[in-house]
């Protein structure tokens, strides 16, 4: 009489079956051995293996009956019998040779493993092949690879918008709103903008007023809440900020105090700059970074004329680089910001190519120095053209009103280099929907990484513009359809150059903050590299901070 005795053995990690258990992500791995009494003379023991798979199939069962000496079987498996019951394997392969049985078992396991691998290759729940698209590791949990600090600095704010964390110095009012005749009430150095917003000075002062708009925007960030359109927010812990903002109205200080009074060796503007440098040197924020993470506004070409040589490691916000050596200011380190246009915007512009009678318009200072000498030469080339308006003009005696009417009536507006490569005239033209003709080889344009100026501006090299009839023939050769396309494009992009309070999506204020945000990775890199040998510095040697050393090639 034949009697089957089944021996069940459990395999642990580290064994051969344990390896396949992990490969299949199985929850139960069992083996069964069956010995027939009639075959004891052969020392035969039947081996059956059952793998329960809870991933793609409920159960996968296969068995291999191998006649092995029982002591060899236990030695190979490294297990002991724990219980016995009866079982009927669904599939058996009989092997008389122990080595052949081992080879057969391994082969079967290998084949079955590949079968499930092929079946599972497209399924994200299979632990060995996670989906690379969404980095899902299981059915119930997933890990996204979105970077919370995509620009190396900003934190998340609102609806997945990058936010720039800005620490602002509490400078005394004489450096900012005190220049607008605002006087503090109480201990705060800032006006309560919920009650009253000090007005900026008018006239040509407006064109360099970015310092006013950016400071107001930071103050307003305390009350605006988690707005998805906000780009910069004020923080009060400098160690947690991305940049350090210096709210010195340097352009306004130059416009008001640059002239030297009687019996004074230096102007009050220079006194303010010297005082600013001392203020910054005395604060831990500047000492910690040497000024690398500081943001300083110097939009007027002559503003910060004396302090720039000491504050050059900071990021400057400028109108151009015309009066800066490349070791003090350059495109890699600093930010170019637009002028605030002086003439009125052309609201509800329904004009057409034919309704604008003036072909080419320029009104301003004609006789300039340095790069502005080209204005004089162009004046003599164009003054006799019948539909060209090229005259001297200033802000006085209704100059702004006349310029507004003239630009609104012109198809093209000249933007020619003056004492510096840039001028407010470009942004006056955009506000007038008058296609700008830019003649300035060294001009730097704001936000050019996101704005293609060639879609709505005409660029002419200085050397070509001075050729007889070159410029006028180029302009006359542009057809009505091409002009209309550029005219429409101007109306699409003009919002990028508008300064508003409170700021709005993608206006000039927000785009300036975004430009600064893009500088944060480079700022962080400089700071981190500067700390490489901080542990090896001799603490007994007092060195002057590098921020106050003029570059070797400055002179």
Protein backbone atom coordinates (compact mmCIF):
# COMPACT_ATOMS: atom_id res chain seq x y z
CA UNK A 1 0.00 0.00 0.00
CA UNK A 2 1.37 3.34 -1.00
CA UNK A 3 1.38 6.07 1.56
CA UNK A 4 2.29 9.65 0.80
CA UNK A 5 3.82 11.68 3.53
CA UNK A 6 4.04 15.43 2.82
CA UNK A 7 6.60 17.54 4.57
CA UNK A 8 6.09 21.33 4.43
CA UNK A 9 9.18 23.55 4.84
CA UNK A 10 9.40 27.33 5.06
CA UNK A 11 12.23 29.17 3.38
CA UNK A 12 13.81 32.28 4.83
CA UNK A 13 15.56 35.28 3.22
CA UNK A 14 18.98 34.43 1.97
CA UNK A 15 17.96 31.08 0.54
CA UNK A 16 17.43 30.44 -3.10
CA UNK A 17 13.67 30.40 -2.79
CA UNK A 18 13.77 33.55 -0.69
CA UNK A 19 15.37 35.29 -3.65
CA UNK A 20 12.48 34.31 -5.90
CA UNK A 21 10.01 35.21 -3.19
CA UNK A 22 11.31 38.78 -3.25
CA UNK A 23 11.44 38.77 -7.05
CA UNK A 24 7.75 37.87 -7.32
CA UNK A 25 6.70 40.08 -4.41
CA UNK A 26 4.93 36.97 -3.04
CA UNK A 27 3.44 36.91 0.40
CA UNK A 28 3.75 33.14 0.97
CA UNK A 29 6.37 30.74 -0.27
CA UNK A 30 5.89 27.11 0.67
CA UNK A 31 7.50 23.88 -0.31
CA UNK A 32 6.15 20.39 0.03
CA UNK A 33 8.11 17.15 0.03
CA UNK A 34 6.42 13.82 -0.49
CA UNK A 35 7.99 10.45 0.15
CA UNK A 36 6.49 7.21 -1.16
CA UNK A 37 7.02 4.11 0.94
CA UNK A 38 7.56 1.95 -2.08
CA UNK A 39 10.45 4.04 -3.22
CA UNK A 40 12.41 4.27 0.01
CA UNK A 41 15.10 2.04 -1.40
CA UNK A 42 15.98 4.75 -3.83
CA UNK A 43 16.09 7.29 -1.04
CA UNK A 44 13.56 9.25 -3.04
CA UNK A 45 11.87 12.43 -1.80
CA UNK A 46 9.43 14.40 -3.92
CA UNK A 47 9.90 18.21 -3.87
CA UNK A 48 7.04 20.53 -4.64
CA UNK A 49 7.18 24.35 -4.54
CA UNK A 50 4.20 26.64 -4.29
CA UNK A 51 4.46 30.41 -4.79
CA UNK A 52 1.51 32.61 -3.98
CA UNK A 53 1.59 35.82 -5.96
CA UNK A 54 -0.68 38.75 -4.96
CA UNK A 55 0.26 41.19 -7.65
CA UNK A 56 -1.02 40.17 -11.01
CA UNK A 57 -2.45 36.70 -10.33
CA UNK A 58 -4.11 35.37 -7.20
CA UNK A 59 -2.07 32.18 -7.09
CA UNK A 60 0.64 30.56 -9.10
CA UNK A 61 1.37 26.94 -8.18
CA UNK A 62 3.82 24.56 -9.61
CA UNK A 63 5.70 21.62 -8.26
CA UNK A 64 8.69 19.54 -9.01
CA UNK A 65 8.93 16.01 -7.65
CA UNK A 66 12.54 15.03 -7.36
CA UNK A 67 13.77 11.79 -5.85
CA UNK A 68 16.54 12.93 -3.59
CA UNK A 69 18.07 11.43 -0.50
CA UNK A 70 16.17 13.11 2.31
CA UNK A 71 19.26 14.22 4.16
CA UNK A 72 20.64 15.81 1.00
CA UNK A 73 17.34 17.56 0.39
CA UNK A 74 17.29 19.08 3.86
CA UNK A 75 20.92 20.07 3.55
CA UNK A 76 20.29 21.84 0.24
CA UNK A 77 17.18 23.65 1.44
CA UNK A 78 18.59 24.53 4.89
CA UNK A 79 15.18 23.98 6.43
CA UNK A 80 13.39 21.58 8.77
CA UNK A 81 9.99 19.94 8.58
CA UNK A 82 7.38 21.77 10.54
CA UNK A 83 4.20 19.90 9.80
CA UNK A 84 2.73 17.22 7.52
CA UNK A 85 -0.48 17.00 5.61
CA UNK A 86 -1.73 15.65 2.37
CA UNK A 87 -1.51 17.51 -0.87
CA UNK A 88 -2.04 16.91 -4.52
CA UNK A 89 0.37 19.00 -6.65
CA UNK A 90 -1.12 20.25 -9.88
CA UNK A 91 1.94 19.67 -11.94
CA UNK A 92 4.85 17.25 -11.40
CA UNK A 93 8.17 16.59 -13.11
CA UNK A 94 9.98 13.46 -12.07
CA UNK A 95 13.72 13.43 -11.97
CA UNK A 96 15.81 10.48 -10.93
CA UNK A 97 19.06 12.35 -10.67
CA UNK A 98 19.52 14.87 -7.86
CA UNK A 99 21.63 17.23 -9.98
CA UNK A 100 19.11 17.06 -12.80
CA UNK A 101 16.32 17.81 -10.32
CA UNK A 102 18.13 20.89 -9.01
CA UNK A 103 18.75 22.14 -12.53
CA UNK A 104 15.12 21.56 -13.44
CA UNK A 105 13.81 23.46 -10.42
CA UNK A 106 16.05 26.46 -11.10
CA UNK A 107 15.14 26.43 -14.79
CA UNK A 108 11.44 26.34 -14.06
CA UNK A 109 11.69 29.17 -11.57
CA UNK A 110 13.70 31.21 -14.07
CA UNK A 111 11.13 30.64 -16.85
CA UNK A 112 8.20 31.49 -14.63
CA UNK A 113 9.95 34.60 -13.33
CA UNK A 114 10.47 35.89 -16.85
CA UNK A 115 6.85 35.13 -17.66
CA UNK A 116 5.67 37.43 -14.88
CA UNK A 117 8.25 40.05 -15.71
CA UNK A 118 6.97 40.25 -19.26
CA UNK A 119 3.38 40.36 -18.05
CA UNK A 120 4.14 43.10 -15.56
CA UNK A 121 6.44 45.37 -17.55
CA UNK A 122 3.78 47.95 -18.22
CA UNK A 123 2.25 47.95 -14.74
CA UNK A 124 3.34 50.55 -12.22
CA UNK A 125 2.45 48.38 -9.21
CA UNK A 126 5.21 45.85 -9.95
CA UNK A 127 7.99 46.71 -7.54
CA UNK A 128 10.88 45.99 -9.87
CA UNK A 129 9.55 48.13 -12.69
CA UNK A 130 8.07 51.38 -11.36
CA UNK A 131 6.61 53.84 -13.77
CA UNK A 132 9.26 56.39 -14.73
CA UNK A 133 6.67 58.94 -15.71
CA UNK A 134 5.11 59.60 -12.36
CA UNK A 135 7.59 57.84 -10.05
CA UNK A 136 4.82 55.77 -8.47
CA UNK A 137 6.16 53.15 -6.06
CA UNK A 138 2.91 51.40 -5.13
CA UNK A 139 -0.82 51.53 -5.62
CA UNK A 140 -1.37 53.65 -2.54
CA UNK A 141 1.63 55.94 -2.53
CA UNK A 142 3.56 57.85 -5.12
CA UNK A 143 6.53 60.16 -5.16
CA UNK A 144 6.56 63.04 -7.63
CA UNK A 145 9.79 64.53 -8.87
CA UNK A 146 8.61 68.13 -9.00
CA UNK A 147 11.28 70.49 -7.70
CA UNK A 148 10.02 72.83 -5.04
CA UNK A 149 12.92 75.21 -5.66
CA UNK A 150 13.19 75.21 -9.42
CA UNK A 151 15.26 78.40 -9.53
CA UNK A 152 17.49 77.56 -6.62
CA UNK A 153 15.75 79.89 -4.25
CA UNK A 154 12.04 80.70 -4.16
CA UNK A 155 9.45 78.94 -2.05
CA UNK A 156 6.00 77.93 -3.23
CA UNK A 157 3.20 80.47 -2.90
CA UNK A 158 -0.37 80.46 -4.07
CA UNK A 159 -1.15 78.35 -7.11
CA UNK A 160 2.25 76.76 -7.78
CA UNK A 161 3.91 80.08 -8.43
CA UNK A 162 7.54 80.65 -7.54
CA UNK A 163 7.98 83.23 -4.84
CA UNK A 164 11.07 85.29 -4.08
CA UNK A 165 11.73 85.70 -0.36
CA UNK A 166 13.11 89.19 0.24
CA UNK A 167 14.54 90.63 3.41
CA UNK A 168 14.36 94.45 3.34
CA UNK A 169 16.53 96.70 5.47
CA UNK A 170 14.67 99.13 7.70
CA UNK A 171 16.64 102.08 6.41
CA UNK A 172 15.88 105.47 7.97
CA UNK A 173 13.21 107.42 6.05
CA UNK A 174 15.80 109.87 4.69
CA UNK A 175 16.88 107.12 2.28
CA UNK A 176 13.44 106.47 0.82
CA UNK A 177 10.04 108.02 1.49
CA UNK A 178 11.60 110.90 3.40
CA UNK A 179 12.82 112.10 -0.01
CA UNK A 180 9.14 112.53 -0.86
CA UNK A 181 8.57 114.74 2.18
CA UNK A 182 6.97 111.91 4.11
CA UNK A 183 7.51 112.05 7.87
CA UNK A 184 7.08 109.00 10.12
CA UNK A 185 4.39 108.90 12.76
CA UNK A 186 5.58 106.68 15.56
CA UNK A 187 8.50 104.24 15.64
CA UNK A 188 7.97 102.73 12.18
CA UNK A 189 10.28 103.89 9.39
CA UNK A 190 7.63 102.97 6.80
CA UNK A 191 4.35 104.62 5.85
CA UNK A 192 1.15 102.76 6.60
CA UNK A 193 0.17 102.20 2.99
CA UNK A 194 -3.25 100.99 4.06
CA UNK A 195 -4.05 104.59 4.98
CA UNK A 196 -1.83 106.72 2.76
CA UNK A 197 0.64 106.13 -0.05
CA UNK A 198 3.19 108.93 -0.56
CA UNK A 199 3.19 110.24 -4.13
CA UNK A 200 6.32 110.17 -6.26
CA UNK A 201 7.66 113.30 -7.89
CA UNK A 202 6.40 113.99 -11.43
CA UNK A 203 8.08 115.04 -14.64
CA UNK A 204 11.24 113.27 -15.75
CA UNK A 205 11.70 111.90 -12.24
CA UNK A 206 9.10 109.27 -13.12
CA UNK A 207 11.26 107.56 -15.72
CA UNK A 208 13.69 106.23 -13.04
CA UNK A 209 11.07 105.52 -10.37
CA UNK A 210 11.51 101.73 -10.15
CA UNK A 211 12.85 102.11 -6.59
CA UNK A 212 9.48 103.52 -5.53
CA UNK A 213 7.41 100.76 -7.16
CA UNK A 214 9.50 97.86 -5.90
CA UNK A 215 9.56 99.14 -2.33
CA UNK A 216 5.81 99.68 -2.35
CA UNK A 217 5.27 96.17 -3.67
CA UNK A 218 7.30 94.66 -0.83
CA UNK A 219 5.37 96.66 1.75
CA UNK A 220 2.09 95.62 0.15
CA UNK A 221 3.09 91.93 0.23
CA UNK A 222 2.43 91.98 3.98
CA UNK A 223 -1.28 92.63 3.34
CA UNK A 224 -1.92 90.94 0.00
CA UNK A 225 -2.02 87.38 1.37
CA UNK A 226 -1.19 84.24 -0.59
CA UNK A 227 -2.00 85.65 -4.00
CA UNK A 228 -1.10 83.35 -6.92
CA UNK A 229 0.12 86.37 -8.89
CA UNK A 230 2.60 87.51 -6.23
CA UNK A 231 6.26 87.04 -7.14
CA UNK A 232 8.08 88.58 -4.16
CA UNK A 233 7.20 88.57 -0.49
CA UNK A 234 8.88 90.31 2.39
CA UNK A 235 10.39 88.15 5.14
CA UNK A 236 11.80 89.32 8.45
CA UNK A 237 14.48 86.68 8.98
CA UNK A 238 17.41 87.43 6.70
CA UNK A 239 18.81 83.92 7.10
CA UNK A 240 15.67 82.53 5.42
CA UNK A 241 15.61 85.02 2.55
CA UNK A 242 16.80 84.58 -1.01
CA UNK A 243 18.03 88.16 -1.38
CA UNK A 244 18.57 91.27 0.74
CA UNK A 245 16.82 94.39 -0.59
CA UNK A 246 18.34 97.86 -0.05
CA UNK A 247 15.48 100.42 -0.30
CA UNK A 248 17.60 103.45 -1.16
CA UNK A 249 15.92 105.77 -3.68
CA UNK A 250 19.24 106.49 -5.36
CA UNK A 251 17.84 107.96 -8.58
CA UNK A 252 15.63 110.37 -6.67
CA UNK A 253 18.54 111.29 -4.40
CA UNK A 254 20.61 112.16 -7.46
CA UNK A 255 17.83 114.23 -9.02
CA UNK A 256 17.31 116.22 -5.82
CA UNK A 257 20.74 116.44 -4.20
CA UNK A 258 23.39 115.97 -6.89
CA UNK A 259 24.23 119.66 -7.21
CA UNK A 260 26.87 120.96 -4.84
CA UNK A 261 25.73 123.90 -2.78
CA UNK A 262 27.83 126.92 -1.94
CA UNK A 263 30.59 126.32 0.59
CA UNK A 264 30.17 122.56 0.26
CA UNK A 265 32.94 120.31 -1.01
CA UNK A 266 30.59 117.49 -1.91
CA UNK A 267 26.93 117.15 -2.75
CA UNK A 268 24.35 115.86 -0.32
CA UNK A 269 23.83 112.93 -2.68
CA UNK A 270 27.43 111.82 -2.05
CA UNK A 271 26.87 112.23 1.67
CA UNK A 272 23.86 109.92 1.42
CA UNK A 273 25.88 107.34 -0.48
CA UNK A 274 28.70 107.40 2.08
CA UNK A 275 26.17 107.02 4.85
CA UNK A 276 24.58 104.06 3.06
CA UNK A 277 27.92 102.27 2.75
CA UNK A 278 28.60 102.71 6.47
CA UNK A 279 25.13 101.44 7.28
CA UNK A 280 25.59 98.30 5.21
CA UNK A 281 29.09 97.61 6.49
CA UNK A 282 27.83 97.65 10.05
CA UNK A 283 25.14 95.01 9.49
CA UNK A 284 25.56 91.28 9.76
CA UNK A 285 23.73 90.64 6.47
CA UNK A 286 26.43 92.41 4.49
CA UNK A 287 29.29 90.96 6.53
CA UNK A 288 27.93 87.45 6.06
CA UNK A 289 27.84 87.57 2.26
CA UNK A 290 30.06 90.50 1.33
CA UNK A 291 27.03 91.96 -0.42
CA UNK A 292 26.69 89.17 -3.00
CA UNK A 293 23.04 88.53 -2.13
CA UNK A 294 22.07 92.22 -1.93
CA UNK A 295 19.80 94.03 -4.41
CA UNK A 296 20.60 97.72 -4.98
CA UNK A 297 18.69 100.03 -7.30
CA UNK A 298 20.65 102.52 -9.41
CA UNK A 299 18.43 103.06 -12.43
CA UNK A 300 19.54 106.60 -13.24
CA UNK A 301 22.89 106.36 -15.09
CA UNK A 302 24.47 108.82 -12.63
CA UNK A 303 22.93 107.46 -9.44
CA UNK A 304 25.14 105.76 -6.87
CA UNK A 305 28.10 107.28 -8.68
CA UNK A 306 30.50 107.07 -5.72
CA UNK A 307 29.24 104.07 -3.77
CA UNK A 308 29.09 101.75 -6.78
CA UNK A 309 32.83 101.12 -6.49
CA UNK A 310 32.31 99.75 -2.98
CA UNK A 311 28.99 98.01 -3.47
CA UNK A 312 29.76 96.28 -6.76
CA UNK A 313 29.37 92.66 -5.49
CA UNK A 314 25.64 93.31 -5.11
CA UNK A 315 23.11 92.85 -7.89
CA UNK A 316 22.33 96.25 -9.39
CA UNK A 317 19.04 97.14 -11.06
CA UNK A 318 20.03 99.43 -13.94
CA UNK A 319 18.74 101.00 -17.12
CA UNK A 320 21.89 100.06 -19.05
CA UNK A 321 25.64 99.52 -18.62
CA UNK A 322 26.71 102.67 -20.46
CA UNK A 323 28.52 104.26 -17.51
CA UNK A 324 29.72 101.12 -15.80
CA UNK A 325 32.92 99.15 -16.45
CA UNK A 326 32.17 95.44 -16.93
CA UNK A 327 33.91 94.59 -13.65
CA UNK A 328 31.35 96.69 -11.76
CA UNK A 329 28.16 95.85 -13.70
CA UNK A 330 27.39 93.28 -16.38
CA UNK A 331 24.55 91.21 -17.78
CA UNK A 332 25.54 88.06 -15.87
CA UNK A 333 25.32 89.71 -12.47
CA UNK A 334 22.82 92.54 -12.79
CA UNK A 335 19.26 93.23 -13.94
CA UNK A 336 18.11 95.63 -16.66
CA UNK A 337 14.78 97.27 -15.86
CA UNK A 338 12.55 99.37 -18.13
CA UNK A 339 12.02 103.09 -17.79
CA UNK A 340 8.64 104.22 -16.63
CA UNK A 341 7.13 105.95 -19.66
CA UNK A 342 6.42 109.68 -19.25
CA UNK A 343 3.82 110.29 -21.94
CA UNK A 344 0.28 108.99 -21.56
CA UNK A 345 -0.68 105.54 -22.74
CA UNK A 346 -2.76 105.30 -25.89
CA UNK A 347 -6.01 103.93 -24.48
CA UNK A 348 -8.64 102.60 -26.93
CA UNK A 349 -6.28 102.89 -29.86
CA UNK A 350 -8.30 102.42 -33.05
CA UNK A 351 -5.75 104.01 -35.33
CA UNK A 352 -4.63 102.46 -38.61
CA UNK A 353 -1.61 102.70 -40.84
CA UNK A 354 -3.29 105.39 -42.94
CA UNK A 355 -4.67 107.35 -39.98
CA UNK A 356 -1.16 108.08 -38.64
CA UNK A 357 0.18 110.80 -40.94
CA UNK A 358 3.76 111.02 -39.64
CA UNK A 359 6.10 108.34 -40.99
CA UNK A 360 9.03 108.79 -38.59
CA UNK A 361 9.09 110.76 -35.33
CA UNK A 362 11.79 112.12 -33.04
CA UNK A 363 11.61 114.95 -30.55
CA UNK A 364 14.26 115.50 -27.90
CA UNK A 365 17.82 116.62 -27.30
CA UNK A 366 19.74 116.54 -30.58
CA UNK A 367 23.22 117.57 -29.55
CA UNK A 368 24.59 114.95 -27.16
CA UNK A 369 28.03 113.71 -26.20
CA UNK A 370 29.68 110.30 -26.38
CA UNK A 371 27.48 107.80 -28.28
CA UNK A 372 24.78 110.43 -28.69
CA UNK A 373 26.72 112.21 -31.45
CA UNK A 374 24.80 110.07 -33.92
CA UNK A 375 21.65 112.09 -33.19
CA UNK A 376 23.17 115.17 -34.72
CA UNK A 377 24.25 113.33 -37.86
CA UNK A 378 20.83 111.73 -38.30
CA UNK A 379 19.20 115.11 -37.86
CA UNK A 380 21.02 116.44 -40.92
CA UNK A 381 20.18 113.31 -42.92
CA UNK A 382 16.44 113.33 -42.16
CA UNK A 383 15.40 116.91 -41.53
CA UNK A 384 14.35 117.56 -45.14
CA UNK A 385 12.28 114.40 -45.60
CA UNK A 386 8.63 115.44 -46.12
CA UNK A 387 6.87 113.07 -43.66
CA UNK A 388 9.57 112.94 -40.97
CA UNK A 389 9.31 114.88 -37.72
CA UNK A 390 12.81 115.42 -36.28
CA UNK A 391 13.04 118.43 -33.94
CA UNK A 392 14.47 119.57 -30.66
CA UNK A 393 12.20 119.23 -27.64
CA UNK A 394 12.15 119.18 -23.86
CA UNK A 395 9.70 118.61 -21.04
CA UNK A 396 9.17 122.33 -20.61
CA UNK A 397 6.45 124.41 -22.30
CA UNK A 398 4.08 121.51 -22.87
CA UNK A 399 6.78 119.20 -24.17
CA UNK A 400 5.18 116.03 -22.77
CA UNK A 401 1.77 116.89 -24.22
CA UNK A 402 3.30 117.65 -27.63
CA UNK A 403 5.30 114.43 -27.60
CA UNK A 404 2.21 112.44 -26.68
CA UNK A 405 0.24 113.85 -29.59
CA UNK A 406 3.16 113.41 -31.98
CA UNK A 407 3.86 109.78 -31.09
CA UNK A 408 0.19 108.86 -31.21
CA UNK A 409 0.12 110.25 -34.77
CA UNK A 410 3.27 108.48 -36.01
CA UNK A 411 3.87 105.10 -37.60
CA UNK A 412 7.49 104.80 -36.44
CA UNK A 413 9.35 106.42 -33.55
CA UNK A 414 13.12 106.81 -33.44
CA UNK A 415 14.99 105.59 -30.37
CA UNK A 416 18.56 106.82 -30.84
CA UNK A 417 21.47 106.42 -28.42
CA UNK A 418 22.09 109.51 -26.32
CA UNK A 419 24.64 110.04 -23.57
CA UNK A 420 23.93 106.42 -22.69
CA UNK A 421 22.77 103.53 -24.91
CA UNK A 422 19.17 103.60 -23.63
CA UNK A 423 16.52 106.24 -23.15
CA UNK A 424 12.96 106.58 -21.99
CA UNK A 425 11.89 107.21 -25.59
CA UNK A 426 11.64 103.48 -26.37
CA UNK A 427 9.01 102.96 -23.69
CA UNK A 428 7.17 106.14 -24.65
CA UNK A 429 6.93 104.68 -28.15
CA UNK A 430 5.56 101.37 -26.84
CA UNK A 431 2.95 103.22 -24.75
CA UNK A 432 1.97 105.11 -27.94
CA UNK A 433 1.79 101.95 -30.09
CA UNK A 434 4.34 103.60 -32.37
CA UNK A 435 6.74 101.02 -33.85
CA UNK A 436 10.20 101.71 -32.34
CA UNK A 437 13.20 102.11 -34.63
CA UNK A 438 16.20 101.38 -32.40
CA UNK A 439 19.58 102.82 -33.41
CA UNK A 440 21.88 101.99 -30.52
CA UNK A 441 24.48 99.25 -30.90
CA UNK A 442 25.17 98.91 -27.17
CA UNK A 443 21.60 98.94 -25.90
CA UNK A 444 20.47 96.42 -23.30
CA UNK A 445 16.77 95.59 -23.27
CA UNK A 446 14.74 94.48 -20.24
CA UNK A 447 13.19 91.01 -20.12
CA UNK A 448 14.72 90.06 -23.46
CA UNK A 449 14.88 86.43 -22.34
CA UNK A 450 11.07 86.27 -22.57
CA UNK A 451 10.35 89.08 -25.07
CA UNK A 452 11.39 88.97 -28.73
CA UNK A 453 11.79 92.65 -29.55
CA UNK A 454 12.33 91.93 -33.23
CA UNK A 455 8.61 91.13 -33.49
CA UNK A 456 7.64 94.75 -32.88
CA UNK A 457 10.85 96.79 -33.21
CA UNK A 458 13.16 97.63 -36.08
CA UNK A 459 16.88 97.46 -35.28
CA UNK A 460 19.37 99.40 -37.38
CA UNK A 461 23.13 99.42 -36.82
CA UNK A 462 24.69 102.82 -36.26
CA UNK A 463 26.94 102.43 -39.29
CA UNK A 464 24.01 101.57 -41.56
CA UNK A 465 21.81 104.37 -40.24
CA UNK A 466 24.45 106.95 -41.22
CA UNK A 467 24.49 105.81 -44.85
CA UNK A 468 22.78 108.17 -47.26
CA UNK A 469 19.09 107.28 -47.68
CA UNK A 470 19.56 103.88 -45.99
CA UNK A 471 17.27 104.48 -43.04
CA UNK A 472 14.48 106.29 -44.84
CA UNK A 473 14.40 103.73 -47.66
CA UNK A 474 14.25 100.90 -45.12
CA UNK A 475 11.27 102.47 -43.36
CA UNK A 476 9.41 103.31 -46.55
CA UNK A 477 9.90 99.74 -47.76
CA UNK A 478 7.85 98.26 -44.91
CA UNK A 479 4.30 97.58 -46.07
CA UNK A 480 0.97 98.22 -44.39
CA UNK A 481 0.44 94.58 -43.39
CA UNK A 482 3.83 94.28 -41.73
CA UNK A 483 3.34 97.51 -39.82
CA UNK A 484 -0.12 96.38 -38.67
CA UNK A 485 1.31 93.11 -37.39
CA UNK A 486 3.95 94.96 -35.33
CA UNK A 487 1.35 97.48 -34.12
CA UNK A 488 -0.82 94.65 -32.80
CA UNK A 489 2.17 92.97 -31.16
CA UNK A 490 3.00 96.17 -29.28
CA UNK A 491 -0.47 96.16 -27.76
CA UNK A 492 0.11 92.59 -26.60
CA UNK A 493 3.40 93.34 -24.83
CA UNK A 494 2.84 96.87 -23.50
CA UNK A 495 1.58 95.51 -20.16
CA UNK A 496 5.09 94.17 -19.50
CA UNK A 497 6.34 97.75 -19.21
CA UNK A 498 3.61 99.22 -17.03
CA UNK A 499 4.41 100.09 -13.39
CA UNK A 500 1.38 99.67 -11.15
CA UNK A 501 0.47 99.73 -7.50
CA UNK A 502 -0.72 97.26 -6.48
CA UNK A 503 1.21 95.31 -9.07
CA UNK A 504 -0.59 93.02 -11.50
CA UNK A 505 0.26 89.83 -13.34
CA UNK A 506 3.31 90.23 -15.58
CA UNK A 507 3.57 93.98 -15.25
CA UNK A 508 6.98 95.66 -14.97
CA UNK A 509 7.15 95.23 -11.19
CA UNK A 510 6.45 91.50 -11.32
CA UNK A 511 8.85 90.91 -14.21
CA UNK A 512 11.66 92.72 -12.41
CA UNK A 513 11.15 90.43 -9.42
CA UNK A 514 11.16 87.44 -11.75
CA UNK A 515 14.42 88.64 -13.29
CA UNK A 516 15.94 88.84 -9.81
CA UNK A 517 14.59 85.39 -9.00
CA UNK A 518 16.51 84.00 -11.97
CA UNK A 519 19.72 85.40 -10.48
CA UNK A 520 19.27 83.49 -7.23
CA UNK A 521 21.04 80.27 -8.35
CA UNK A 522 24.14 82.23 -9.39
CA UNK A 523 24.05 84.14 -6.10
CA UNK A 524 23.81 80.89 -4.13
CA UNK A 525 26.69 79.44 -6.14
CA UNK A 526 28.94 82.41 -5.30
CA UNK A 527 28.07 82.18 -1.64
CA UNK A 528 28.67 78.45 -1.44
CA UNK A 529 31.98 78.60 -3.28
CA UNK A 530 33.17 81.40 -1.04
CA UNK A 531 32.82 79.05 1.95
CA UNK A 532 35.11 76.34 0.59
CA UNK A 533 38.15 77.26 2.68
CA UNK A 534 36.39 78.97 5.55
CA UNK A 535 37.66 76.31 8.02
CA UNK A 536 41.30 76.85 7.03
CA UNK A 537 41.35 80.62 7.38
CA UNK A 538 43.60 81.92 10.10
CA UNK A 539 41.21 83.46 12.58
CA UNK A 540 43.96 85.70 13.92
CA UNK A 541 44.37 87.48 10.60
CA UNK A 542 41.81 90.21 10.12
CA UNK A 543 41.15 90.67 6.42
CA UNK A 544 39.12 93.41 4.85
CA UNK A 545 35.97 91.98 3.22
CA UNK A 546 36.40 91.48 -0.50
CA UNK A 547 33.18 93.42 -1.11
CA UNK A 548 35.02 96.67 -0.41
CA UNK A 549 37.97 96.03 -2.70
CA UNK A 550 37.88 97.56 -6.15
CA UNK A 551 38.58 94.94 -8.86
CA UNK A 552 42.16 94.85 -10.11
CA UNK A 553 41.20 95.77 -13.67
CA UNK A 554 38.78 98.53 -12.65
CA UNK A 555 41.17 101.34 -13.50
